[in-house]
Amino acid sequence: MNPTRRHYSPPLLAAAVLLASAGAASAAPQGYVVEPMHTFVTFEVLHFGTSTVRARFDRKDGHIVLDREARTGEAKITIDTASVNSGVPDFDKHLKSKDFFDVANTPEAVFAGTTFRFDGERVSAVDGTLTLLGKTNPVSLKAVRFNCYDNPILKARVCGGDFETTIRRSQWGMNWGIDMGIPDEVRLTIQIEAVRQ
């Protein structure tokens, strides 16, 4: 991933969810891009049943296209795994190693959202696939909350919210520490805001 280009956020899938509730008058598909200052992708794992360890990815980008009337859309979010940030440099170094994200060989993770589920007029989840460490598996993001508003600074319609899911990292071949008691389950939380183009 080119560090000089503008980065957006992987929760774009979340944005897609948000778009559905945007109340857009037009039936035509509309595109949104993630607003990086208000978008965060975080994961957390229970550490030996004692504390919760958290980290986030600082660089993400992607796109969402949604046809609200037809209830169809697509989302593609790319995550720069080398941007993982726990706030602890030694831990970040381990996370980037072959034990976890193996950033030297697989520097990106990609979420591709293909199905948007609705509860009435609102999107309740985005289903798709997550490609990580060279493997692709299905993932569904649940919408916890979302809202749309006219941003007075950007002079544009913005949609956003909180989304979450729990995955088993072993499905992507990330097995380090499981035999020592570090959980297989990883909780992903995505806070996102996306700007209509």
N, C-alpha and C. Protein backbone atom coordinates (compact mmCIF):
# COMPACT_ATOMS: atom_id res chain seq x y z
N MET A 1 0.84 -1.18 0.00
CA MET A 1 0.00 0.00 0.00
C MET A 1 0.88 1.24 0.00
N ASN A 2 0.60 2.19 -0.86
CA ASN A 2 1.41 3.39 -0.98
C ASN A 2 1.14 4.32 0.18
N PRO A 3 2.12 4.58 1.06
CA PRO A 3 1.89 5.40 2.23
C PRO A 3 1.65 6.86 1.91
N THR A 4 1.88 7.29 0.66
CA THR A 4 1.71 8.69 0.31
C THR A 4 0.30 9.00 -0.17
N ARG A 5 -0.48 7.99 -0.47
CA ARG A 5 -1.83 8.26 -0.96
C ARG A 5 -2.78 8.40 0.20
N ARG A 6 -3.92 8.99 -0.05
CA ARG A 6 -4.89 9.20 1.01
C ARG A 6 -5.49 7.87 1.42
N HIS A 7 -5.58 7.63 2.73
CA HIS A 7 -6.13 6.38 3.22
C HIS A 7 -7.51 6.62 3.82
N TYR A 8 -8.38 5.70 3.55
CA TYR A 8 -9.71 5.76 4.10
C TYR A 8 -9.89 4.58 5.03
N SER A 9 -11.11 3.97 5.13
CA SER A 9 -11.28 2.94 6.14
C SER A 9 -11.99 1.70 5.71
N PRO A 10 -11.61 0.55 6.28
CA PRO A 10 -12.12 -0.74 5.92
C PRO A 10 -13.52 -0.96 6.34
N PRO A 11 -13.94 -0.34 7.28
CA PRO A 11 -15.30 -0.47 7.67
C PRO A 11 -16.19 0.09 6.60
N LEU A 12 -15.69 0.40 5.48
CA LEU A 12 -16.52 0.91 4.42
C LEU A 12 -17.77 0.09 4.30
N LEU A 13 -17.65 -1.16 4.62
CA LEU A 13 -18.79 -2.02 4.55
C LEU A 13 -19.80 -1.42 5.50
N ALA A 14 -19.31 -0.90 6.58
CA ALA A 14 -20.19 -0.25 7.50
C ALA A 14 -20.84 0.90 6.80
N ALA A 15 -20.04 1.63 6.03
CA ALA A 15 -20.60 2.77 5.34
C ALA A 15 -21.75 2.33 4.47
N ALA A 16 -21.58 1.18 3.84
CA ALA A 16 -22.64 0.71 2.97
C ALA A 16 -23.90 0.56 3.79
N VAL A 17 -23.70 0.05 4.95
CA VAL A 17 -24.84 -0.11 5.84
C VAL A 17 -25.47 1.24 6.07
N LEU A 18 -24.61 2.20 6.29
CA LEU A 18 -25.09 3.52 6.60
C LEU A 18 -25.83 4.13 5.43
N LEU A 19 -25.33 3.85 4.26
CA LEU A 19 -25.93 4.44 3.09
C LEU A 19 -27.38 4.07 3.00
N ALA A 20 -27.66 2.86 3.37
CA ALA A 20 -29.03 2.38 3.25
C ALA A 20 -29.96 3.25 4.06
N SER A 21 -29.45 3.78 5.15
CA SER A 21 -30.30 4.59 6.00
C SER A 21 -30.17 6.06 5.69
N ALA A 22 -29.41 6.36 4.65
CA ALA A 22 -29.13 7.76 4.36
C ALA A 22 -30.37 8.52 3.91
N GLY A 23 -31.38 7.78 3.44
CA GLY A 23 -32.58 8.43 3.00
C GLY A 23 -32.39 9.15 1.68
N ALA A 24 -31.47 8.64 0.89
CA ALA A 24 -31.20 9.27 -0.39
C ALA A 24 -32.43 9.22 -1.27
N ALA A 25 -32.74 10.36 -1.89
CA ALA A 25 -33.96 10.44 -2.69
C ALA A 25 -33.80 9.72 -4.02
N SER A 26 -32.59 9.71 -4.52
CA SER A 26 -32.36 9.11 -5.83
C SER A 26 -32.33 7.60 -5.76
N ALA A 27 -32.90 6.96 -6.78
CA ALA A 27 -32.91 5.50 -6.82
C ALA A 27 -31.61 4.97 -7.42
N ALA A 28 -30.83 5.85 -8.00
CA ALA A 28 -29.59 5.42 -8.64
C ALA A 28 -28.56 5.04 -7.58
N PRO A 29 -27.65 4.14 -7.93
CA PRO A 29 -26.57 3.79 -6.99
C PRO A 29 -25.76 5.02 -6.62
N GLN A 30 -25.35 5.10 -5.37
CA GLN A 30 -24.55 6.23 -4.91
C GLN A 30 -23.26 5.73 -4.27
N GLY A 31 -22.20 6.49 -4.45
CA GLY A 31 -20.91 6.09 -3.92
C GLY A 31 -20.52 6.89 -2.69
N TYR A 32 -19.84 6.24 -1.76
CA TYR A 32 -19.32 6.86 -0.55
C TYR A 32 -17.86 6.47 -0.36
N VAL A 33 -17.11 7.38 0.24
CA VAL A 33 -15.74 7.05 0.64
C VAL A 33 -15.60 7.31 2.13
N VAL A 34 -14.75 6.54 2.77
CA VAL A 34 -14.55 6.64 4.20
C VAL A 34 -13.83 7.93 4.58
N GLU A 35 -14.31 8.54 5.64
CA GLU A 35 -13.69 9.75 6.18
C GLU A 35 -12.73 9.31 7.28
N PRO A 36 -11.41 9.40 7.06
CA PRO A 36 -10.43 8.76 7.95
C PRO A 36 -10.37 9.29 9.35
N MET A 37 -10.74 10.56 9.57
CA MET A 37 -10.63 11.13 10.91
C MET A 37 -11.68 10.57 11.87
N HIS A 38 -12.73 9.95 11.33
CA HIS A 38 -13.79 9.42 12.18
C HIS A 38 -14.05 7.95 11.90
N THR A 39 -13.02 7.25 11.47
CA THR A 39 -13.15 5.83 11.17
C THR A 39 -12.04 5.05 11.86
N PHE A 40 -12.44 3.99 12.56
CA PHE A 40 -11.47 3.18 13.30
C PHE A 40 -11.81 1.70 13.14
N VAL A 41 -10.78 0.89 12.96
CA VAL A 41 -10.95 -0.56 12.90
C VAL A 41 -10.12 -1.15 14.04
N THR A 42 -10.79 -1.78 14.98
CA THR A 42 -10.13 -2.26 16.19
C THR A 42 -10.42 -3.73 16.39
N PHE A 43 -9.44 -4.47 16.91
CA PHE A 43 -9.70 -5.86 17.28
C PHE A 43 -9.26 -6.08 18.72
N GLU A 44 -9.89 -7.05 19.37
CA GLU A 44 -9.57 -7.33 20.77
C GLU A 44 -9.64 -8.82 21.06
N VAL A 45 -8.77 -9.25 21.96
CA VAL A 45 -8.68 -10.66 22.35
C VAL A 45 -8.52 -10.72 23.86
N LEU A 46 -9.20 -11.67 24.49
CA LEU A 46 -9.04 -11.87 25.93
C LEU A 46 -7.68 -12.51 26.19
N HIS A 47 -6.94 -11.98 27.16
CA HIS A 47 -5.59 -12.45 27.44
C HIS A 47 -5.58 -13.32 28.69
N PHE A 48 -5.55 -14.63 28.48
CA PHE A 48 -5.52 -15.61 29.56
C PHE A 48 -6.65 -15.39 30.58
N GLY A 49 -7.80 -14.97 30.07
CA GLY A 49 -8.97 -14.81 30.92
C GLY A 49 -8.84 -13.69 31.93
N THR A 50 -7.90 -12.78 31.70
CA THR A 50 -7.62 -11.74 32.69
C THR A 50 -7.94 -10.34 32.18
N SER A 51 -7.25 -9.92 31.14
CA SER A 51 -7.47 -8.58 30.59
C SER A 51 -7.79 -8.70 29.10
N THR A 52 -8.28 -7.61 28.54
CA THR A 52 -8.57 -7.57 27.11
C THR A 52 -7.49 -6.78 26.40
N VAL A 53 -6.86 -7.40 25.42
CA VAL A 53 -5.80 -6.76 24.63
C VAL A 53 -6.42 -6.20 23.36
N ARG A 54 -6.14 -4.94 23.07
CA ARG A 54 -6.72 -4.28 21.90
C ARG A 54 -5.64 -3.68 21.02
N ALA A 55 -5.95 -3.58 19.73
CA ALA A 55 -5.10 -2.87 18.77
C ALA A 55 -5.97 -2.41 17.62
N ARG A 56 -5.45 -1.52 16.80
CA ARG A 56 -6.21 -1.02 15.66
C ARG A 56 -5.30 -0.92 14.44
N PHE A 57 -5.94 -0.72 13.29
CA PHE A 57 -5.21 -0.48 12.04
C PHE A 57 -5.38 1.00 11.69
N ASP A 58 -4.27 1.67 11.47
CA ASP A 58 -4.33 3.11 11.23
C ASP A 58 -4.53 3.49 9.77
N ARG A 59 -4.27 2.56 8.84
CA ARG A 59 -4.41 2.90 7.42
C ARG A 59 -5.38 1.94 6.74
N LYS A 60 -6.43 2.52 6.15
CA LYS A 60 -7.47 1.76 5.46
C LYS A 60 -7.99 2.59 4.30
N ASP A 61 -8.46 1.96 3.24
CA ASP A 61 -9.18 2.69 2.20
C ASP A 61 -10.14 1.74 1.51
N GLY A 62 -10.94 2.28 0.60
CA GLY A 62 -11.90 1.45 -0.09
C GLY A 62 -13.05 2.25 -0.67
N HIS A 63 -14.08 1.56 -1.11
CA HIS A 63 -15.24 2.23 -1.70
C HIS A 63 -16.51 1.44 -1.41
N ILE A 64 -17.63 2.14 -1.51
CA ILE A 64 -18.94 1.52 -1.36
C ILE A 64 -19.87 2.11 -2.42
N VAL A 65 -20.63 1.25 -3.04
CA VAL A 65 -21.68 1.69 -3.96
C VAL A 65 -22.96 1.01 -3.51
N LEU A 66 -24.03 1.81 -3.33
CA LEU A 66 -25.29 1.25 -2.83
C LEU A 66 -26.47 1.77 -3.61
N ASP A 67 -27.35 0.88 -3.99
CA ASP A 67 -28.64 1.25 -4.58
C ASP A 67 -29.68 0.98 -3.51
N ARG A 68 -30.10 2.00 -2.81
CA ARG A 68 -30.99 1.83 -1.66
C ARG A 68 -32.34 1.25 -2.06
N GLU A 69 -32.89 1.72 -3.19
CA GLU A 69 -34.21 1.25 -3.61
C GLU A 69 -34.17 -0.22 -4.00
N ALA A 70 -33.14 -0.62 -4.72
CA ALA A 70 -33.01 -2.02 -5.14
C ALA A 70 -32.46 -2.91 -4.03
N ARG A 71 -31.95 -2.28 -2.97
CA ARG A 71 -31.35 -3.01 -1.86
C ARG A 71 -30.20 -3.90 -2.34
N THR A 72 -29.36 -3.30 -3.13
CA THR A 72 -28.15 -3.98 -3.60
C THR A 72 -26.97 -3.05 -3.40
N GLY A 73 -25.78 -3.61 -3.42
CA GLY A 73 -24.59 -2.78 -3.29
C GLY A 73 -23.34 -3.63 -3.24
N GLU A 74 -22.23 -2.95 -3.16
CA GLU A 74 -20.96 -3.64 -3.04
C GLU A 74 -20.00 -2.75 -2.28
N ALA A 75 -19.11 -3.40 -1.55
CA ALA A 75 -18.12 -2.66 -0.77
C ALA A 75 -16.79 -3.38 -0.86
N LYS A 76 -15.73 -2.61 -0.94
CA LYS A 76 -14.40 -3.18 -0.91
C LYS A 76 -13.53 -2.31 -0.01
N ILE A 77 -12.99 -2.93 1.04
CA ILE A 77 -12.17 -2.21 1.99
C ILE A 77 -10.83 -2.90 2.10
N THR A 78 -9.77 -2.13 1.95
CA THR A 78 -8.42 -2.67 2.04
C THR A 78 -7.74 -2.13 3.29
N ILE A 79 -7.14 -3.03 4.06
CA ILE A 79 -6.47 -2.68 5.31
C ILE A 79 -4.96 -2.92 5.16
N ASP A 80 -4.19 -1.92 5.51
CA ASP A 80 -2.74 -2.05 5.54
C ASP A 80 -2.37 -2.69 6.88
N THR A 81 -2.07 -3.99 6.88
CA THR A 81 -1.82 -4.69 8.14
C THR A 81 -0.56 -4.22 8.84
N ALA A 82 0.37 -3.61 8.09
CA ALA A 82 1.58 -3.09 8.72
C ALA A 82 1.30 -1.86 9.56
N SER A 83 0.09 -1.30 9.45
CA SER A 83 -0.28 -0.13 10.24
C SER A 83 -0.90 -0.50 11.58
N VAL A 84 -0.81 -1.79 11.96
CA VAL A 84 -1.36 -2.23 13.24
C VAL A 84 -0.71 -1.44 14.37
N ASN A 85 -1.52 -1.02 15.33
CA ASN A 85 -1.04 -0.13 16.39
C ASN A 85 -1.72 -0.48 17.71
N SER A 86 -0.94 -1.05 18.62
CA SER A 86 -1.45 -1.39 19.95
C SER A 86 -1.06 -0.36 21.00
N GLY A 87 -0.16 0.55 20.61
CA GLY A 87 0.39 1.50 21.56
C GLY A 87 1.62 0.97 22.26
N VAL A 88 1.99 -0.29 21.97
CA VAL A 88 3.16 -0.92 22.58
C VAL A 88 4.07 -1.40 21.45
N PRO A 89 5.19 -0.73 21.19
CA PRO A 89 6.04 -1.06 20.04
C PRO A 89 6.47 -2.52 19.97
N ASP A 90 6.85 -3.12 21.08
CA ASP A 90 7.29 -4.52 21.05
C ASP A 90 6.14 -5.45 20.66
N PHE A 91 4.95 -5.16 21.14
CA PHE A 91 3.78 -5.97 20.78
C PHE A 91 3.45 -5.78 19.31
N ASP A 92 3.55 -4.55 18.82
CA ASP A 92 3.29 -4.30 17.40
C ASP A 92 4.25 -5.10 16.53
N LYS A 93 5.51 -5.17 16.94
CA LYS A 93 6.50 -5.93 16.19
C LYS A 93 6.11 -7.40 16.12
N HIS A 94 5.61 -7.95 17.23
CA HIS A 94 5.18 -9.34 17.23
C HIS A 94 3.95 -9.53 16.34
N LEU A 95 3.01 -8.59 16.41
CA LEU A 95 1.80 -8.69 15.58
C LEU A 95 2.14 -8.67 14.09
N LYS A 96 3.20 -7.96 13.72
CA LYS A 96 3.58 -7.87 12.31
C LYS A 96 4.36 -9.10 11.83
N SER A 97 4.79 -9.94 12.76
CA SER A 97 5.63 -11.09 12.42
C SER A 97 4.81 -12.23 11.82
N LYS A 98 5.49 -13.30 11.45
CA LYS A 98 4.82 -14.48 10.88
C LYS A 98 3.88 -15.15 11.86
N ASP A 99 4.03 -14.88 13.16
CA ASP A 99 3.12 -15.46 14.14
C ASP A 99 1.70 -14.95 13.97
N PHE A 100 1.58 -13.73 13.45
CA PHE A 100 0.25 -13.12 13.32
C PHE A 100 0.00 -12.63 11.89
N PHE A 101 0.22 -11.36 11.60
CA PHE A 101 -0.18 -10.81 10.31
C PHE A 101 0.82 -11.00 9.18
N ASP A 102 2.04 -11.39 9.49
CA ASP A 102 3.05 -11.69 8.47
C ASP A 102 3.07 -10.60 7.40
N VAL A 103 3.28 -9.36 7.84
CA VAL A 103 3.14 -8.22 6.93
C VAL A 103 4.17 -8.22 5.80
N ALA A 104 5.28 -8.89 6.01
CA ALA A 104 6.30 -8.93 4.96
C ALA A 104 5.81 -9.69 3.72
N ASN A 105 4.95 -10.68 3.94
CA ASN A 105 4.46 -11.51 2.83
C ASN A 105 3.01 -11.21 2.45
N THR A 106 2.21 -10.77 3.40
CA THR A 106 0.80 -10.45 3.12
C THR A 106 0.48 -9.10 3.74
N PRO A 107 0.85 -8.02 3.08
CA PRO A 107 0.72 -6.68 3.66
C PRO A 107 -0.68 -6.10 3.69
N GLU A 108 -1.64 -6.79 3.10
CA GLU A 108 -3.01 -6.26 3.06
C GLU A 108 -4.03 -7.31 3.48
N ALA A 109 -5.11 -6.83 4.06
CA ALA A 109 -6.31 -7.63 4.28
C ALA A 109 -7.44 -6.93 3.54
N VAL A 110 -8.36 -7.70 2.98
CA VAL A 110 -9.42 -7.09 2.17
C VAL A 110 -10.78 -7.64 2.57
N PHE A 111 -11.71 -6.74 2.86
CA PHE A 111 -13.10 -7.14 3.07
C PHE A 111 -13.88 -6.78 1.81
N ALA A 112 -14.62 -7.74 1.28
CA ALA A 112 -15.48 -7.50 0.12
C ALA A 112 -16.92 -7.77 0.54
N GLY A 113 -17.72 -6.72 0.63
CA GLY A 113 -19.12 -6.86 1.01
C GLY A 113 -19.99 -7.02 -0.22
N THR A 114 -20.85 -8.05 -0.21
CA THR A 114 -21.67 -8.35 -1.38
C THR A 114 -23.17 -8.35 -1.10
N THR A 115 -23.56 -8.53 0.17
CA THR A 115 -24.98 -8.62 0.50
C THR A 115 -25.29 -7.69 1.67
N PHE A 116 -26.34 -6.88 1.50
CA PHE A 116 -26.76 -5.96 2.55
C PHE A 116 -28.11 -6.42 3.08
N ARG A 117 -28.18 -6.68 4.38
CA ARG A 117 -29.43 -7.12 4.99
C ARG A 117 -30.12 -5.94 5.67
N PHE A 118 -31.46 -5.92 5.54
CA PHE A 118 -32.23 -4.79 6.03
C PHE A 118 -33.19 -5.19 7.14
N ASP A 119 -33.46 -4.25 8.03
CA ASP A 119 -34.53 -4.33 9.01
C ASP A 119 -35.42 -3.13 8.72
N GLY A 120 -36.49 -3.37 7.98
CA GLY A 120 -37.29 -2.27 7.49
C GLY A 120 -36.51 -1.48 6.46
N GLU A 121 -36.38 -0.18 6.70
CA GLU A 121 -35.65 0.68 5.77
C GLU A 121 -34.16 0.76 6.09
N ARG A 122 -33.78 0.13 7.18
CA ARG A 122 -32.39 0.26 7.62
C ARG A 122 -31.60 -1.01 7.40
N VAL A 123 -30.32 -0.84 7.11
CA VAL A 123 -29.43 -1.98 6.97
C VAL A 123 -29.10 -2.52 8.35
N SER A 124 -29.20 -3.82 8.52
CA SER A 124 -28.90 -4.44 9.82
C SER A 124 -27.58 -5.19 9.81
N ALA A 125 -27.07 -5.53 8.62
CA ALA A 125 -25.80 -6.25 8.53
C ALA A 125 -25.27 -6.19 7.11
N VAL A 126 -23.97 -6.39 6.98
CA VAL A 126 -23.33 -6.49 5.67
C VAL A 126 -22.57 -7.82 5.64
N ASP A 127 -22.89 -8.66 4.69
CA ASP A 127 -22.25 -9.96 4.55
C ASP A 127 -21.23 -9.91 3.40
N GLY A 128 -20.14 -10.62 3.59
CA GLY A 128 -19.13 -10.66 2.54
C GLY A 128 -18.02 -11.62 2.90
N THR A 129 -16.82 -11.31 2.45
CA THR A 129 -15.67 -12.16 2.72
C THR A 129 -14.51 -11.32 3.22
N LEU A 130 -13.67 -11.95 4.03
CA LEU A 130 -12.44 -11.32 4.49
C LEU A 130 -11.26 -12.15 4.00
N THR A 131 -10.36 -11.50 3.28
CA THR A 131 -9.15 -12.15 2.82
C THR A 131 -8.00 -11.69 3.69
N LEU A 132 -7.35 -12.65 4.33
CA LEU A 132 -6.27 -12.37 5.27
C LEU A 132 -5.27 -13.51 5.19
N LEU A 133 -3.99 -13.20 5.18
CA LEU A 133 -2.94 -14.21 5.11
C LEU A 133 -3.13 -15.16 3.92
N GLY A 134 -3.69 -14.61 2.84
CA GLY A 134 -3.86 -15.39 1.63
C GLY A 134 -5.06 -16.31 1.62
N LYS A 135 -5.91 -16.24 2.66
CA LYS A 135 -7.09 -17.09 2.72
C LYS A 135 -8.35 -16.23 2.79
N THR A 136 -9.42 -16.73 2.19
CA THR A 136 -10.68 -15.98 2.13
C THR A 136 -11.78 -16.78 2.81
N ASN A 137 -12.50 -16.13 3.74
CA ASN A 137 -13.60 -16.77 4.46
C ASN A 137 -14.75 -15.79 4.61
N PRO A 138 -15.98 -16.30 4.74
CA PRO A 138 -17.13 -15.42 4.91
C PRO A 138 -17.13 -14.71 6.26
N VAL A 139 -17.62 -13.46 6.24
CA VAL A 139 -17.72 -12.64 7.45
C VAL A 139 -19.00 -11.82 7.35
N SER A 140 -19.69 -11.64 8.47
CA SER A 140 -20.88 -10.80 8.52
C SER A 140 -20.70 -9.74 9.59
N LEU A 141 -20.90 -8.48 9.23
CA LEU A 141 -20.80 -7.37 10.17
C LEU A 141 -22.18 -6.93 10.60
N LYS A 142 -22.42 -6.93 11.89
CA LYS A 142 -23.70 -6.51 12.46
C LYS A 142 -23.68 -5.01 12.73
N ALA A 143 -24.74 -4.33 12.32
CA ALA A 143 -24.86 -2.90 12.61
C ALA A 143 -25.39 -2.71 14.02
N VAL A 144 -24.59 -2.06 14.86
CA VAL A 144 -25.03 -1.76 16.23
C VAL A 144 -25.80 -0.45 16.25
N ARG A 145 -25.32 0.53 15.51
CA ARG A 145 -26.01 1.82 15.35
C ARG A 145 -25.47 2.51 14.11
N PHE A 146 -26.28 3.40 13.54
CA PHE A 146 -25.79 4.24 12.46
C PHE A 146 -26.72 5.42 12.26
N ASN A 147 -26.20 6.44 11.60
CA ASN A 147 -26.94 7.67 11.41
C ASN A 147 -26.38 8.40 10.20
N CYS A 148 -27.17 9.27 9.62
CA CYS A 148 -26.72 10.09 8.51
C CYS A 148 -27.01 11.56 8.82
N TYR A 149 -26.13 12.44 8.35
CA TYR A 149 -26.32 13.87 8.62
C TYR A 149 -25.61 14.68 7.55
N ASP A 150 -25.96 15.95 7.46
CA ASP A 150 -25.30 16.87 6.54
C ASP A 150 -24.14 17.52 7.28
N ASN A 151 -22.92 17.18 6.87
CA ASN A 151 -21.74 17.68 7.55
C ASN A 151 -21.52 19.15 7.19
N PRO A 152 -21.55 20.05 8.19
CA PRO A 152 -21.44 21.49 7.90
C PRO A 152 -20.06 21.92 7.44
N ILE A 153 -19.04 21.12 7.74
CA ILE A 153 -17.67 21.47 7.33
C ILE A 153 -17.37 20.94 5.94
N LEU A 154 -17.72 19.68 5.70
CA LEU A 154 -17.47 19.07 4.40
C LEU A 154 -18.49 19.48 3.35
N LYS A 155 -19.63 20.03 3.82
CA LYS A 155 -20.71 20.41 2.91
C LYS A 155 -21.17 19.21 2.10
N ALA A 156 -21.32 18.08 2.78
CA ALA A 156 -21.71 16.84 2.10
C ALA A 156 -22.49 15.96 3.07
N ARG A 157 -23.22 15.01 2.51
CA ARG A 157 -23.96 14.04 3.30
C ARG A 157 -22.99 13.00 3.84
N VAL A 158 -23.08 12.71 5.13
CA VAL A 158 -22.20 11.74 5.77
C VAL A 158 -23.05 10.71 6.50
N CYS A 159 -22.68 9.44 6.36
CA CYS A 159 -23.34 8.36 7.08
C CYS A 159 -22.29 7.59 7.86
N GLY A 160 -22.70 7.06 9.00
CA GLY A 160 -21.73 6.31 9.79
C GLY A 160 -22.37 5.56 10.92
N GLY A 161 -21.56 4.78 11.61
CA GLY A 161 -22.07 4.02 12.74
C GLY A 161 -21.05 3.04 13.27
N ASP A 162 -21.52 2.18 14.15
CA ASP A 162 -20.68 1.16 14.77
C ASP A 162 -21.11 -0.22 14.28
N PHE A 163 -20.11 -1.05 13.95
CA PHE A 163 -20.37 -2.39 13.44
C PHE A 163 -19.44 -3.37 14.14
N GLU A 164 -19.87 -4.61 14.24
CA GLU A 164 -19.04 -5.58 14.96
C GLU A 164 -19.27 -7.01 14.48
N THR A 165 -18.28 -7.84 14.75
CA THR A 165 -18.39 -9.27 14.47
C THR A 165 -17.33 -9.98 15.31
N THR A 166 -17.44 -11.29 15.40
CA THR A 166 -16.43 -12.11 16.06
C THR A 166 -16.00 -13.19 15.08
N ILE A 167 -14.69 -13.34 14.91
CA ILE A 167 -14.16 -14.34 13.99
C ILE A 167 -13.25 -15.30 14.75
N ARG A 168 -12.94 -16.41 14.12
CA ARG A 168 -11.93 -17.34 14.64
C ARG A 168 -10.69 -17.20 13.77
N ARG A 169 -9.63 -16.69 14.34
CA ARG A 169 -8.43 -16.40 13.56
C ARG A 169 -7.81 -17.65 12.93
N SER A 170 -8.05 -18.81 13.52
CA SER A 170 -7.49 -20.04 12.96
C SER A 170 -8.04 -20.34 11.57
N GLN A 171 -9.19 -19.78 11.23
CA GLN A 171 -9.74 -19.99 9.89
C GLN A 171 -8.82 -19.39 8.82
N TRP A 172 -8.01 -18.42 9.22
CA TRP A 172 -7.07 -17.80 8.29
C TRP A 172 -5.65 -18.30 8.53
N GLY A 173 -5.50 -19.35 9.33
CA GLY A 173 -4.18 -19.92 9.59
C GLY A 173 -3.38 -19.18 10.64
N MET A 174 -4.01 -18.30 11.41
CA MET A 174 -3.33 -17.56 12.46
C MET A 174 -3.50 -18.34 13.77
N ASN A 175 -2.59 -19.26 14.01
CA ASN A 175 -2.77 -20.22 15.11
C ASN A 175 -1.86 -19.97 16.31
N TRP A 176 -0.95 -19.01 16.22
CA TRP A 176 0.02 -18.83 17.28
C TRP A 176 -0.65 -18.58 18.64
N GLY A 177 -0.20 -19.29 19.64
CA GLY A 177 -0.66 -19.07 21.01
C GLY A 177 -1.92 -19.79 21.41
N ILE A 178 -2.63 -20.37 20.45
CA ILE A 178 -3.89 -21.05 20.80
C ILE A 178 -3.63 -22.22 21.73
N ASP A 179 -2.55 -22.96 21.47
CA ASP A 179 -2.22 -24.10 22.32
C ASP A 179 -1.74 -23.68 23.72
N MET A 180 -1.44 -22.38 23.88
CA MET A 180 -1.01 -21.86 25.18
C MET A 180 -2.16 -21.23 25.96
N GLY A 181 -3.33 -21.16 25.32
CA GLY A 181 -4.49 -20.59 26.00
C GLY A 181 -4.93 -19.24 25.52
N ILE A 182 -4.23 -18.67 24.51
CA ILE A 182 -4.69 -17.41 23.93
C ILE A 182 -5.86 -17.73 23.00
N PRO A 183 -7.01 -17.09 23.18
CA PRO A 183 -8.21 -17.48 22.45
C PRO A 183 -8.10 -17.42 20.93
N ASP A 184 -8.85 -18.30 20.29
CA ASP A 184 -8.99 -18.29 18.85
C ASP A 184 -9.92 -17.16 18.43
N GLU A 185 -10.90 -16.85 19.26
CA GLU A 185 -11.90 -15.83 18.92
C GLU A 185 -11.33 -14.42 19.03
N VAL A 186 -11.63 -13.63 18.02
CA VAL A 186 -11.20 -12.23 17.97
C VAL A 186 -12.44 -11.37 17.69
N ARG A 187 -12.65 -10.36 18.50
CA ARG A 187 -13.78 -9.46 18.30
C ARG A 187 -13.31 -8.26 17.48
N LEU A 188 -14.03 -7.98 16.39
CA LEU A 188 -13.73 -6.84 15.55
C LEU A 188 -14.78 -5.77 15.75
N THR A 189 -14.36 -4.54 15.96
CA THR A 189 -15.29 -3.42 16.06
C THR A 189 -14.87 -2.35 15.05
N ILE A 190 -15.86 -1.84 14.34
CA ILE A 190 -15.58 -0.85 13.31
C ILE A 190 -16.47 0.36 13.53
N GLN A 191 -15.83 1.51 13.76
CA GLN A 191 -16.55 2.78 13.82
C GLN A 191 -16.22 3.52 12.54
N ILE A 192 -17.27 3.94 11.84
CA ILE A 192 -17.02 4.52 10.51
C ILE A 192 -17.93 5.69 10.19
N GLU A 193 -17.37 6.64 9.47
CA GLU A 193 -18.16 7.67 8.82
C GLU A 193 -17.70 7.74 7.36
N ALA A 194 -18.65 7.86 6.46
CA ALA A 194 -18.33 7.86 5.03
C ALA A 194 -19.05 9.02 4.34
N VAL A 195 -18.37 9.62 3.38
CA VAL A 195 -18.85 10.83 2.72
C VAL A 195 -19.40 10.49 1.34
N ARG A 196 -20.59 10.96 1.07
CA ARG A 196 -21.20 10.73 -0.26
C ARG A 196 -20.47 11.55 -1.31
N GLN A 197 -20.21 10.91 -2.45
CA GLN A 197 -19.48 11.57 -3.54
C GLN A 197 -20.42 12.12 -4.59
